[in-house]
Amino acid sequence: QALAANKGVSPRVGYRAPDFVVKDLAGNDVTLSDQLGKPVFINFFATW
């Protein structure tokens, strides 16, 4: 259902992970693709 709701945008085995842009604590843009070259552990989080 989640994959269908996002029309194929979600991560899929065998395909490059969807890129995204976030900010580091210094206010700089950081993309997932900046991390190429090693495995990436992604965790979506909230303090509450």
All heavy atoms as atom14 arrays in JSON, in Angstrom:
{
  "sequence": "QALAANKGVSPRVGYRAPDFVVKDLAGNDVTLSDQLGKPVFINFFATW",
  "atom14_mask": [
    [1, 1, 1, 1, 1, 1, 1, 1, 1, 0, 0, 0, 0, 0],
    [1, 1, 1, 1, 1, 0, 0, 0, 0, 0, 0, 0, 0, 0],
    [1, 1, 1, 1, 1, 1, 1, 1, 0, 0, 0, 0, 0, 0],
    [1, 1, 1, 1, 1, 0, 0, 0, 0, 0, 0, 0, 0, 0],
    [1, 1, 1, 1, 1, 0, 0, 0, 0, 0, 0, 0, 0, 0],
    [1, 1, 1, 1, 1, 1, 1, 1, 0, 0, 0, 0, 0, 0],
    [1, 1, 1, 1, 1, 1, 1, 1, 1, 0, 0, 0, 0, 0],
    [1, 1, 1, 1, 0, 0, 0, 0, 0, 0, 0, 0, 0, 0],
    [1, 1, 1, 1, 1, 1, 1, 0, 0, 0, 0, 0, 0, 0],
    [1, 1, 1, 1, 1, 1, 0, 0, 0, 0, 0, 0, 0, 0],
    [1, 1, 1, 1, 1, 1, 1, 0, 0, 0, 0, 0, 0, 0],
    [1, 1, 1, 1, 1, 1, 1, 1, 1, 1, 1, 0, 0, 0],
    [1, 1, 1, 1, 1, 1, 1, 0, 0, 0, 0, 0, 0, 0],
    [1, 1, 1, 1, 0, 0, 0, 0, 0, 0, 0, 0, 0, 0],
    [1, 1, 1, 1, 1, 1, 1, 1, 1, 1, 1, 1, 0, 0],
    [1, 1, 1, 1, 1, 1, 1, 1, 1, 1, 1, 0, 0, 0],
    [1, 1, 1, 1, 1, 0, 0, 0, 0, 0, 0, 0, 0, 0],
    [1, 1, 1, 1, 1, 1, 1, 0, 0, 0, 0, 0, 0, 0],
    [1, 1, 1, 1, 1, 1, 1, 1, 0, 0, 0, 0, 0, 0],
    [1, 1, 1, 1, 1, 1, 1, 1, 1, 1, 1, 0, 0, 0],
    [1, 1, 1, 1, 1, 1, 1, 0, 0, 0, 0, 0, 0, 0],
    [1, 1, 1, 1, 1, 1, 1, 0, 0, 0, 0, 0, 0, 0],
    [1, 1, 1, 1, 1, 1, 1, 1, 1, 0, 0, 0, 0, 0],
    [1, 1, 1, 1, 1, 1, 1, 1, 0, 0, 0, 0, 0, 0],
    [1, 1, 1, 1, 1, 1, 1, 1, 0, 0, 0, 0, 0, 0],
    [1, 1, 1, 1, 1, 0, 0, 0, 0, 0, 0, 0, 0, 0],
    [1, 1, 1, 1, 0, 0, 0, 0, 0, 0, 0, 0, 0, 0],
    [1, 1, 1, 1, 1, 1, 1, 1, 0, 0, 0, 0, 0, 0],
    [1, 1, 1, 1, 1, 1, 1, 1, 0, 0, 0, 0, 0, 0],
    [1, 1, 1, 1, 1, 1, 1, 0, 0, 0, 0, 0, 0, 0],
    [1, 1, 1, 1, 1, 1, 1, 0, 0, 0, 0, 0, 0, 0],
    [1, 1, 1, 1, 1, 1, 1, 1, 0, 0, 0, 0, 0, 0],
    [1, 1, 1, 1, 1, 1, 0, 0, 0, 0, 0, 0, 0, 0],
    [1, 1, 1, 1, 1, 1, 1, 1, 0, 0, 0, 0, 0, 0],
    [1, 1, 1, 1, 1, 1, 1, 1, 1, 0, 0, 0, 0, 0],
    [1, 1, 1, 1, 1, 1, 1, 1, 0, 0, 0, 0, 0, 0],
    [1, 1, 1, 1, 0, 0, 0, 0, 0, 0, 0, 0, 0, 0],
    [1, 1, 1, 1, 1, 1, 1, 1, 1, 0, 0, 0, 0, 0],
    [1, 1, 1, 1, 1, 1, 1, 0, 0, 0, 0, 0, 0, 0],
    [1, 1, 1, 1, 1, 1, 1, 0, 0, 0, 0, 0, 0, 0],
    [1, 1, 1, 1, 1, 1, 1, 1, 1, 1, 1, 0, 0, 0],
    [1, 1, 1, 1, 1, 1, 1, 1, 0, 0, 0, 0, 0, 0],
    [1, 1, 1, 1, 1, 1, 1, 1, 0, 0, 0, 0, 0, 0],
    [1, 1, 1, 1, 1, 1, 1, 1, 1, 1, 1, 0, 0, 0],
    [1, 1, 1, 1, 1, 1, 1, 1, 1, 1, 1, 0, 0, 0],
    [1, 1, 1, 1, 1, 0, 0, 0, 0, 0, 0, 0, 0, 0],
    [1, 1, 1, 1, 1, 1, 1, 0, 0, 0, 0, 0, 0, 0],
    [1, 1, 1, 1, 1, 1, 1, 1, 1, 1, 1, 1, 1, 1]
  ],
  "atom14_positions": [
    [[0.83, -1.2, 0.0], [0.0, 0.0, 0.0], [0.86, 1.25, 0.0], [0.57, 2.22, -0.69], [-0.92, 0.01, 1.22], [-2.04, -0.99, 1.13], [-2.92, -0.91, 2.36], [-2.53, -0.41, 3.4], [-4.13, -1.42, 2.23], [0.0, 0.0, 0.0], [0.0, 0.0, 0.0], [0.0, 0.0, 0.0], [0.0, 0.0, 0.0], [0.0, 0.0, 0.0]],
    [[1.92, 1.25, 0.78], [2.79, 2.43, 0.84], [3.47, 2.64, -0.51], [3.58, 3.77, -0.98], [3.84, 2.26, 1.93], [0.0, 0.0, 0.0], [0.0, 0.0, 0.0], [0.0, 0.0, 0.0], [0.0, 0.0, 0.0], [0.0, 0.0, 0.0], [0.0, 0.0, 0.0], [0.0, 0.0, 0.0], [0.0, 0.0, 0.0], [0.0, 0.0, 0.0]],
    [[3.91, 1.58, -1.15], [4.55, 1.72, -2.45], [3.56, 2.21, -3.48], [3.88, 3.07, -4.31], [5.14, 0.38, -2.89], [6.33, -0.11, -2.06], [6.72, -1.52, -2.49], [7.5, 0.83, -2.2], [0.0, 0.0, 0.0], [0.0, 0.0, 0.0], [0.0, 0.0, 0.0], [0.0, 0.0, 0.0], [0.0, 0.0, 0.0], [0.0, 0.0, 0.0]],
    [[2.34, 1.69, -3.45], [1.33, 2.13, -4.41], [0.94, 3.58, -4.18], [0.76, 4.34, -5.13], [0.1, 1.23, -4.31], [0.0, 0.0, 0.0], [0.0, 0.0, 0.0], [0.0, 0.0, 0.0], [0.0, 0.0, 0.0], [0.0, 0.0, 0.0], [0.0, 0.0, 0.0], [0.0, 0.0, 0.0], [0.0, 0.0, 0.0], [0.0, 0.0, 0.0]],
    [[0.85, 3.99, -2.92], [0.46, 5.36, -2.6], [1.47, 6.36, -3.12], [1.12, 7.47, -3.52], [0.29, 5.53, -1.09], [0.0, 0.0, 0.0], [0.0, 0.0, 0.0], [0.0, 0.0, 0.0], [0.0, 0.0, 0.0], [0.0, 0.0, 0.0], [0.0, 0.0, 0.0], [0.0, 0.0, 0.0], [0.0, 0.0, 0.0], [0.0, 0.0, 0.0]],
    [[2.73, 5.99, -3.15], [3.78, 6.9, -3.62], [4.11, 6.69, -5.09], [5.08, 7.23, -5.59], [5.05, 6.73, -2.78], [4.96, 7.51, -1.5], [3.99, 8.22, -1.27], [5.96, 7.39, -0.66], [0.0, 0.0, 0.0], [0.0, 0.0, 0.0], [0.0, 0.0, 0.0], [0.0, 0.0, 0.0], [0.0, 0.0, 0.0], [0.0, 0.0, 0.0]],
    [[3.33, 5.88, -5.79], [3.5, 5.66, -7.23], [4.92, 5.29, -7.61], [5.5, 5.86, -8.53], [3.02, 6.89, -7.99], [1.55, 7.18, -7.76], [1.1, 8.37, -8.56], [-0.38, 8.56, -8.38], [-0.81, 9.47, -7.43], [0.0, 0.0, 0.0], [0.0, 0.0, 0.0], [0.0, 0.0, 0.0], [0.0, 0.0, 0.0], [0.0, 0.0, 0.0]],
    [[5.52, 4.36, -6.86], [6.83, 3.85, -7.22], [8.0, 4.7, -6.77], [9.12, 4.42, -7.12], [0.0, 0.0, 0.0], [0.0, 0.0, 0.0], [0.0, 0.0, 0.0], [0.0, 0.0, 0.0], [0.0, 0.0, 0.0], [0.0, 0.0, 0.0], [0.0, 0.0, 0.0], [0.0, 0.0, 0.0], [0.0, 0.0, 0.0], [0.0, 0.0, 0.0]],
    [[7.77, 5.76, -6.01], [8.85, 6.63, -5.56], [9.61, 5.99, -4.41], [10.79, 6.23, -4.23], [8.3, 8.02, -5.13], [9.37, 8.86, -4.5], [7.68, 8.72, -6.32], [0.0, 0.0, 0.0], [0.0, 0.0, 0.0], [0.0, 0.0, 0.0], [0.0, 0.0, 0.0], [0.0, 0.0, 0.0], [0.0, 0.0, 0.0], [0.0, 0.0, 0.0]],
    [[8.96, 5.14, -3.66], [9.57, 4.53, -2.48], [10.75, 3.65, -2.87], [10.85, 3.19, -3.99], [8.54, 3.7, -1.73], [7.51, 4.53, -1.26], [0.0, 0.0, 0.0], [0.0, 0.0, 0.0], [0.0, 0.0, 0.0], [0.0, 0.0, 0.0], [0.0, 0.0, 0.0], [0.0, 0.0, 0.0], [0.0, 0.0, 0.0], [0.0, 0.0, 0.0]],
    [[11.64, 3.4, -1.92], [12.8, 2.56, -2.19], [12.38, 1.16, -2.63], [11.41, 0.61, -2.13], [13.54, 2.49, -0.86], [12.84, 3.38, 0.07], [11.59, 3.86, -0.55], [0.0, 0.0, 0.0], [0.0, 0.0, 0.0], [0.0, 0.0, 0.0], [0.0, 0.0, 0.0], [0.0, 0.0, 0.0], [0.0, 0.0, 0.0], [0.0, 0.0, 0.0]],
    [[13.14, 0.62, -3.58], [12.9, -0.74, -4.05], [14.23, -1.45, -4.19], [15.21, -0.87, -4.63], [12.18, -0.73, -5.39], [10.79, -0.15, -5.29], [10.0, -0.13, -6.57], [10.73, -0.58, -7.74], [10.28, -0.46, -8.97], [9.13, 0.09, -9.18], [11.0, -0.88, -9.99], [0.0, 0.0, 0.0], [0.0, 0.0, 0.0], [0.0, 0.0, 0.0]],
    [[14.22, -2.73, -3.82], [15.43, -3.55, -3.92], [15.9, -3.56, -5.37], [15.11, -3.73, -6.29], [15.16, -4.97, -3.41], [16.37, -5.87, -3.64], [14.77, -4.95, -1.94], [0.0, 0.0, 0.0], [0.0, 0.0, 0.0], [0.0, 0.0, 0.0], [0.0, 0.0, 0.0], [0.0, 0.0, 0.0], [0.0, 0.0, 0.0], [0.0, 0.0, 0.0]],
    [[17.19, -3.36, -5.56], [17.77, -3.39, -6.89], [17.8, -2.04, -7.59], [18.32, -1.93, -8.7], [0.0, 0.0, 0.0], [0.0, 0.0, 0.0], [0.0, 0.0, 0.0], [0.0, 0.0, 0.0], [0.0, 0.0, 0.0], [0.0, 0.0, 0.0], [0.0, 0.0, 0.0], [0.0, 0.0, 0.0], [0.0, 0.0, 0.0], [0.0, 0.0, 0.0]],
    [[17.25, -1.01, -6.97], [17.22, 0.33, -7.55], [17.91, 1.3, -6.61], [17.97, 1.08, -5.4], [15.77, 0.8, -7.79], [15.06, -0.02, -8.83], [14.39, -1.19, -8.48], [15.08, 0.38, -10.17], [13.74, -1.95, -9.45], [14.43, -0.37, -11.13], [13.76, -1.54, -10.76], [13.13, -2.28, -11.72], [0.0, 0.0, 0.0], [0.0, 0.0, 0.0]],
    [[18.4, 2.39, -7.17], [19.02, 3.42, -6.34], [17.97, 4.0, -5.39], [16.84, 4.23, -5.78], [19.59, 4.53, -7.22], [20.35, 5.59, -6.43], [20.97, 6.61, -7.34], [22.01, 5.97, -8.13], [23.3, 6.21, -7.97], [23.7, 7.09, -7.07], [24.2, 5.6, -8.7], [0.0, 0.0, 0.0], [0.0, 0.0, 0.0], [0.0, 0.0, 0.0]],
    [[18.39, 4.25, -4.17], [17.48, 4.83, -3.17], [17.08, 6.24, -3.61], [17.9, 6.99, -4.13], [18.17, 4.89, -1.81], [0.0, 0.0, 0.0], [0.0, 0.0, 0.0], [0.0, 0.0, 0.0], [0.0, 0.0, 0.0], [0.0, 0.0, 0.0], [0.0, 0.0, 0.0], [0.0, 0.0, 0.0], [0.0, 0.0, 0.0], [0.0, 0.0, 0.0]],
    [[15.81, 6.61, -3.4], [15.38, 7.97, -3.75], [16.21, 9.01, -2.98], [16.4, 8.89, -1.77], [13.92, 8.01, -3.31], [13.49, 6.58, -3.24], [14.71, 5.81, -2.87], [0.0, 0.0, 0.0], [0.0, 0.0, 0.0], [0.0, 0.0, 0.0], [0.0, 0.0, 0.0], [0.0, 0.0, 0.0], [0.0, 0.0, 0.0], [0.0, 0.0, 0.0]],
    [[16.68, 9.99, -3.7], [17.49, 11.04, -3.09], [16.6, 12.02, -2.33], [15.4, 12.13, -2.62], [18.27, 11.78, -4.17], [19.53, 12.45, -3.64], [19.89, 12.23, -2.47], [20.16, 13.21, -4.41], [0.0, 0.0, 0.0], [0.0, 0.0, 0.0], [0.0, 0.0, 0.0], [0.0, 0.0, 0.0], [0.0, 0.0, 0.0], [0.0, 0.0, 0.0]],
    [[17.15, 12.7, -1.36], [16.43, 13.74, -0.64], [17.43, 14.76, -0.12], [18.63, 14.5, -0.08], [15.58, 13.17, 0.5], [16.35, 12.38, 1.53], [17.03, 13.0, 2.56], [16.36, 10.99, 1.47], [17.72, 12.27, 3.51], [17.05, 10.24, 2.42], [17.72, 10.88, 3.44], [0.0, 0.0, 0.0], [0.0, 0.0, 0.0], [0.0, 0.0, 0.0]],
    [[16.92, 15.93, 0.24], [17.75, 17.02, 0.77], [17.27, 17.34, 2.17], [16.06, 17.51, 2.41], [17.65, 18.29, -0.11], [18.5, 19.4, 0.47], [18.03, 17.99, -1.54], [0.0, 0.0, 0.0], [0.0, 0.0, 0.0], [0.0, 0.0, 0.0], [0.0, 0.0, 0.0], [0.0, 0.0, 0.0], [0.0, 0.0, 0.0], [0.0, 0.0, 0.0]],
    [[18.21, 17.41, 3.11], [17.93, 17.81, 4.49], [18.97, 18.84, 4.89], [19.9, 19.12, 4.14], [17.95, 16.58, 5.44], [16.76, 15.67, 5.19], [19.26, 15.8, 5.31], [0.0, 0.0, 0.0], [0.0, 0.0, 0.0], [0.0, 0.0, 0.0], [0.0, 0.0, 0.0], [0.0, 0.0, 0.0], [0.0, 0.0, 0.0], [0.0, 0.0, 0.0]],
    [[18.83, 19.41, 6.07], [19.79, 20.38, 6.59], [20.59, 19.76, 7.72], [20.04, 19.05, 8.56], [19.08, 21.62, 7.14], [18.25, 22.38, 6.13], [19.1, 23.37, 5.41], [18.21, 24.24, 4.51], [19.0, 25.0, 3.57], [0.0, 0.0, 0.0], [0.0, 0.0, 0.0], [0.0, 0.0, 0.0], [0.0, 0.0, 0.0], [0.0, 0.0, 0.0]],
    [[21.9, 20.05, 7.76], [22.67, 19.66, 8.93], [22.47, 20.74, 9.99], [21.79, 21.75, 9.75], [24.14, 19.4, 8.6], [24.9, 20.63, 8.12], [24.44, 21.78, 8.32], [25.99, 20.45, 7.54], [0.0, 0.0, 0.0], [0.0, 0.0, 0.0], [0.0, 0.0, 0.0], [0.0, 0.0, 0.0], [0.0, 0.0, 0.0], [0.0, 0.0, 0.0]],
    [[23.03, 20.55, 11.16], [22.8, 21.51, 12.25], [23.49, 22.85, 12.02], [23.18, 23.82, 12.71], [23.23, 20.89, 13.59], [22.4, 19.68, 14.03], [22.9, 19.16, 15.37], [20.92, 20.01, 14.1], [0.0, 0.0, 0.0], [0.0, 0.0, 0.0], [0.0, 0.0, 0.0], [0.0, 0.0, 0.0], [0.0, 0.0, 0.0], [0.0, 0.0, 0.0]],
    [[24.38, 22.92, 11.03], [25.01, 24.19, 10.66], [24.19, 24.92, 9.6], [24.55, 26.03, 9.19], [26.43, 23.95, 10.16], [0.0, 0.0, 0.0], [0.0, 0.0, 0.0], [0.0, 0.0, 0.0], [0.0, 0.0, 0.0], [0.0, 0.0, 0.0], [0.0, 0.0, 0.0], [0.0, 0.0, 0.0], [0.0, 0.0, 0.0], [0.0, 0.0, 0.0]],
    [[23.08, 24.31, 9.15], [22.22, 24.94, 8.16], [22.57, 24.63, 6.71], [21.97, 25.19, 5.8], [0.0, 0.0, 0.0], [0.0, 0.0, 0.0], [0.0, 0.0, 0.0], [0.0, 0.0, 0.0], [0.0, 0.0, 0.0], [0.0, 0.0, 0.0], [0.0, 0.0, 0.0], [0.0, 0.0, 0.0], [0.0, 0.0, 0.0], [0.0, 0.0, 0.0]],
    [[23.52, 23.73, 6.5], [23.93, 23.36, 5.14], [23.03, 22.28, 4.58], [22.59, 21.38, 5.31], [25.37, 22.83, 5.14], [26.34, 23.84, 5.7], [26.38, 24.98, 5.27], [27.12, 23.42, 6.68], [0.0, 0.0, 0.0], [0.0, 0.0, 0.0], [0.0, 0.0, 0.0], [0.0, 0.0, 0.0], [0.0, 0.0, 0.0], [0.0, 0.0, 0.0]],
    [[22.78, 22.35, 3.26], [22.04, 21.28, 2.59], [22.91, 20.04, 2.51], [24.09, 20.11, 2.19], [21.65, 21.7, 1.17], [20.5, 22.68, 1.14], [19.83, 22.87, 2.18], [20.25, 23.26, 0.07], [0.0, 0.0, 0.0], [0.0, 0.0, 0.0], [0.0, 0.0, 0.0], [0.0, 0.0, 0.0], [0.0, 0.0, 0.0], [0.0, 0.0, 0.0]],
    [[22.3, 18.89, 2.8], [22.97, 17.59, 2.69], [22.0, 16.68, 1.94], [20.81, 16.65, 2.26], [23.29, 17.0, 4.08], [23.89, 15.61, 3.97], [24.2, 17.93, 4.86], [0.0, 0.0, 0.0], [0.0, 0.0, 0.0], [0.0, 0.0, 0.0], [0.0, 0.0, 0.0], [0.0, 0.0, 0.0], [0.0, 0.0, 0.0], [0.0, 0.0, 0.0]],
    [[22.52, 15.95, 0.96], [21.68, 15.02, 0.22], [22.11, 13.59, 0.53], [23.26, 13.35, 0.91], [21.77, 15.24, -1.3], [23.1, 14.98, -1.73], [21.37, 16.67, -1.67], [0.0, 0.0, 0.0], [0.0, 0.0, 0.0], [0.0, 0.0, 0.0], [0.0, 0.0, 0.0], [0.0, 0.0, 0.0], [0.0, 0.0, 0.0], [0.0, 0.0, 0.0]],
    [[21.19, 12.68, 0.34], [21.54, 11.27, 0.49], [22.65, 10.92, -0.49], [23.58, 10.2, -0.15], [20.31, 10.39, 0.26], [20.56, 8.88, 0.27], [21.11, 8.43, 1.62], [19.28, 8.14, -0.07], [0.0, 0.0, 0.0], [0.0, 0.0, 0.0], [0.0, 0.0, 0.0], [0.0, 0.0, 0.0], [0.0, 0.0, 0.0], [0.0, 0.0, 0.0]],
    [[22.57, 11.46, -1.7], [23.58, 11.13, -2.71], [24.97, 11.63, -2.33], [25.98, 11.14, -2.86], [23.17, 11.67, -4.08], [22.97, 13.06, -4.05], [0.0, 0.0, 0.0], [0.0, 0.0, 0.0], [0.0, 0.0, 0.0], [0.0, 0.0, 0.0], [0.0, 0.0, 0.0], [0.0, 0.0, 0.0], [0.0, 0.0, 0.0], [0.0, 0.0, 0.0]],
    [[25.07, 12.57, -1.39], [26.38, 13.0, -0.87], [27.1, 11.85, -0.16], [28.31, 11.91, 0.03], [26.25, 14.15, 0.14], [25.8, 15.46, -0.48], [25.96, 15.63, -1.7], [25.29, 16.32, 0.28], [0.0, 0.0, 0.0], [0.0, 0.0, 0.0], [0.0, 0.0, 0.0], [0.0, 0.0, 0.0], [0.0, 0.0, 0.0], [0.0, 0.0, 0.0]],
    [[26.36, 10.85, 0.24], [26.91, 9.76, 1.04], [27.42, 8.59, 0.19], [27.78, 7.55, 0.73], [25.84, 9.23, 2.02], [25.12, 10.28, 2.82], [26.05, 11.19, 3.6], [27.01, 10.73, 4.2], [25.78, 12.48, 3.59], [0.0, 0.0, 0.0], [0.0, 0.0, 0.0], [0.0, 0.0, 0.0], [0.0, 0.0, 0.0], [0.0, 0.0, 0.0]],
    [[27.41, 8.73, -1.14], [27.85, 7.64, -2.01], [29.23, 7.14, -1.61], [30.09, 7.92, -1.21], [27.88, 8.1, -3.47], [26.52, 8.27, -4.15], [26.71, 8.83, -5.56], [25.77, 6.96, -4.2], [0.0, 0.0, 0.0], [0.0, 0.0, 0.0], [0.0, 0.0, 0.0], [0.0, 0.0, 0.0], [0.0, 0.0, 0.0], [0.0, 0.0, 0.0]],
    [[29.42, 5.84, -1.7], [30.72, 5.27, -1.4], [30.72, 4.35, -0.19], [31.65, 3.57, -0.01], [0.0, 0.0, 0.0], [0.0, 0.0, 0.0], [0.0, 0.0, 0.0], [0.0, 0.0, 0.0], [0.0, 0.0, 0.0], [0.0, 0.0, 0.0], [0.0, 0.0, 0.0], [0.0, 0.0, 0.0], [0.0, 0.0, 0.0], [0.0, 0.0, 0.0]],
    [[29.7, 4.43, 0.64], [29.59, 3.51, 1.77], [28.11, 3.29, 2.07], [27.27, 4.07, 1.66], [30.35, 4.0, 2.99], [29.99, 5.37, 3.51], [30.58, 5.68, 4.9], [31.97, 6.18, 4.89], [32.43, 6.68, 6.2], [0.0, 0.0, 0.0], [0.0, 0.0, 0.0], [0.0, 0.0, 0.0], [0.0, 0.0, 0.0], [0.0, 0.0, 0.0]],
    [[27.8, 2.21, 2.76], [26.4, 1.97, 3.13], [25.89, 3.12, 3.99], [26.65, 3.78, 4.7], [26.45, 0.69, 3.95], [27.77, 0.08, 3.68], [28.69, 1.17, 3.26], [0.0, 0.0, 0.0], [0.0, 0.0, 0.0], [0.0, 0.0, 0.0], [0.0, 0.0, 0.0], [0.0, 0.0, 0.0], [0.0, 0.0, 0.0], [0.0, 0.0, 0.0]],
    [[24.58, 3.37, 3.9], [23.96, 4.46, 4.66], [22.87, 3.89, 5.56], [21.99, 3.16, 5.1], [23.36, 5.53, 3.72], [22.74, 6.66, 4.53], [24.41, 6.07, 2.76], [0.0, 0.0, 0.0], [0.0, 0.0, 0.0], [0.0, 0.0, 0.0], [0.0, 0.0, 0.0], [0.0, 0.0, 0.0], [0.0, 0.0, 0.0], [0.0, 0.0, 0.0]],
    [[22.94, 4.23, 6.84], [21.9, 3.88, 7.8], [21.02, 5.12, 7.93], [21.48, 6.17, 8.39], [22.55, 3.54, 9.16], [21.56, 3.22, 10.24], [21.26, 1.9, 10.53], [20.94, 4.22, 10.97], [20.36, 1.59, 11.54], [20.04, 3.92, 11.97], [19.74, 2.6, 12.26], [0.0, 0.0, 0.0], [0.0, 0.0, 0.0], [0.0, 0.0, 0.0]],
    [[19.77, 5.01, 7.5], [18.82, 6.13, 7.58], [17.78, 5.8, 8.63], [17.21, 4.71, 8.62], [18.11, 6.38, 6.24], [19.12, 6.63, 5.12], [17.14, 7.56, 6.36], [18.5, 6.65, 3.74], [0.0, 0.0, 0.0], [0.0, 0.0, 0.0], [0.0, 0.0, 0.0], [0.0, 0.0, 0.0], [0.0, 0.0, 0.0], [0.0, 0.0, 0.0]],
    [[17.53, 6.74, 9.52], [16.49, 6.57, 10.52], [15.68, 7.85, 10.59], [16.24, 8.93, 10.83], [17.11, 6.26, 11.89], [16.05, 5.97, 12.92], [15.19, 5.13, 12.74], [16.12, 6.67, 14.04], [0.0, 0.0, 0.0], [0.0, 0.0, 0.0], [0.0, 0.0, 0.0], [0.0, 0.0, 0.0], [0.0, 0.0, 0.0], [0.0, 0.0, 0.0]],
    [[14.38, 7.74, 10.36], [13.49, 8.9, 10.5], [13.06, 8.96, 11.95], [12.7, 7.95, 12.55], [12.32, 8.78, 9.53], [12.76, 8.83, 8.09], [12.93, 7.67, 7.36], [13.06, 10.04, 7.5], [13.37, 7.71, 6.06], [13.51, 10.1, 6.19], [13.66, 8.94, 5.46], [0.0, 0.0, 0.0], [0.0, 0.0, 0.0], [0.0, 0.0, 0.0]],
    [[13.05, 10.16, 12.52], [13.07, 10.33, 13.97], [12.28, 11.57, 14.38], [12.14, 12.51, 13.61], [14.54, 10.49, 14.37], [14.78, 10.89, 15.79], [14.8, 9.94, 16.79], [15.01, 12.21, 16.12], [15.04, 10.31, 18.1], [15.24, 12.59, 17.43], [15.26, 11.63, 18.42], [0.0, 0.0, 0.0], [0.0, 0.0, 0.0], [0.0, 0.0, 0.0]],
    [[11.78, 11.56, 15.61], [11.22, 12.75, 16.25], [11.48, 12.62, 17.76], [11.42, 11.52, 18.31], [9.73, 12.88, 15.99], [0.0, 0.0, 0.0], [0.0, 0.0, 0.0], [0.0, 0.0, 0.0], [0.0, 0.0, 0.0], [0.0, 0.0, 0.0], [0.0, 0.0, 0.0], [0.0, 0.0, 0.0], [0.0, 0.0, 0.0], [0.0, 0.0, 0.0]],
    [[11.76, 13.73, 18.41], [12.11, 13.69, 19.83], [10.93, 13.26, 20.71], [11.14, 12.72, 21.79], [12.61, 15.06, 20.33], [11.57, 16.03, 20.17], [13.84, 15.5, 19.56], [0.0, 0.0, 0.0], [0.0, 0.0, 0.0], [0.0, 0.0, 0.0], [0.0, 0.0, 0.0], [0.0, 0.0, 0.0], [0.0, 0.0, 0.0], [0.0, 0.0, 0.0]],
    [[9.72, 13.48, 20.25], [8.52, 13.13, 21.03], [8.13, 11.66, 20.88], [7.28, 11.16, 21.6], [7.35, 14.01, 20.62], [7.11, 14.03, 19.15], [7.55, 14.98, 18.26], [6.42, 13.06, 18.37], [7.17, 14.65, 16.99], [6.48, 13.47, 17.02], [5.76, 11.87, 18.66], [5.89, 12.75, 15.97], [5.18, 11.15, 17.62], [5.25, 11.6, 16.3]]
  ]
}
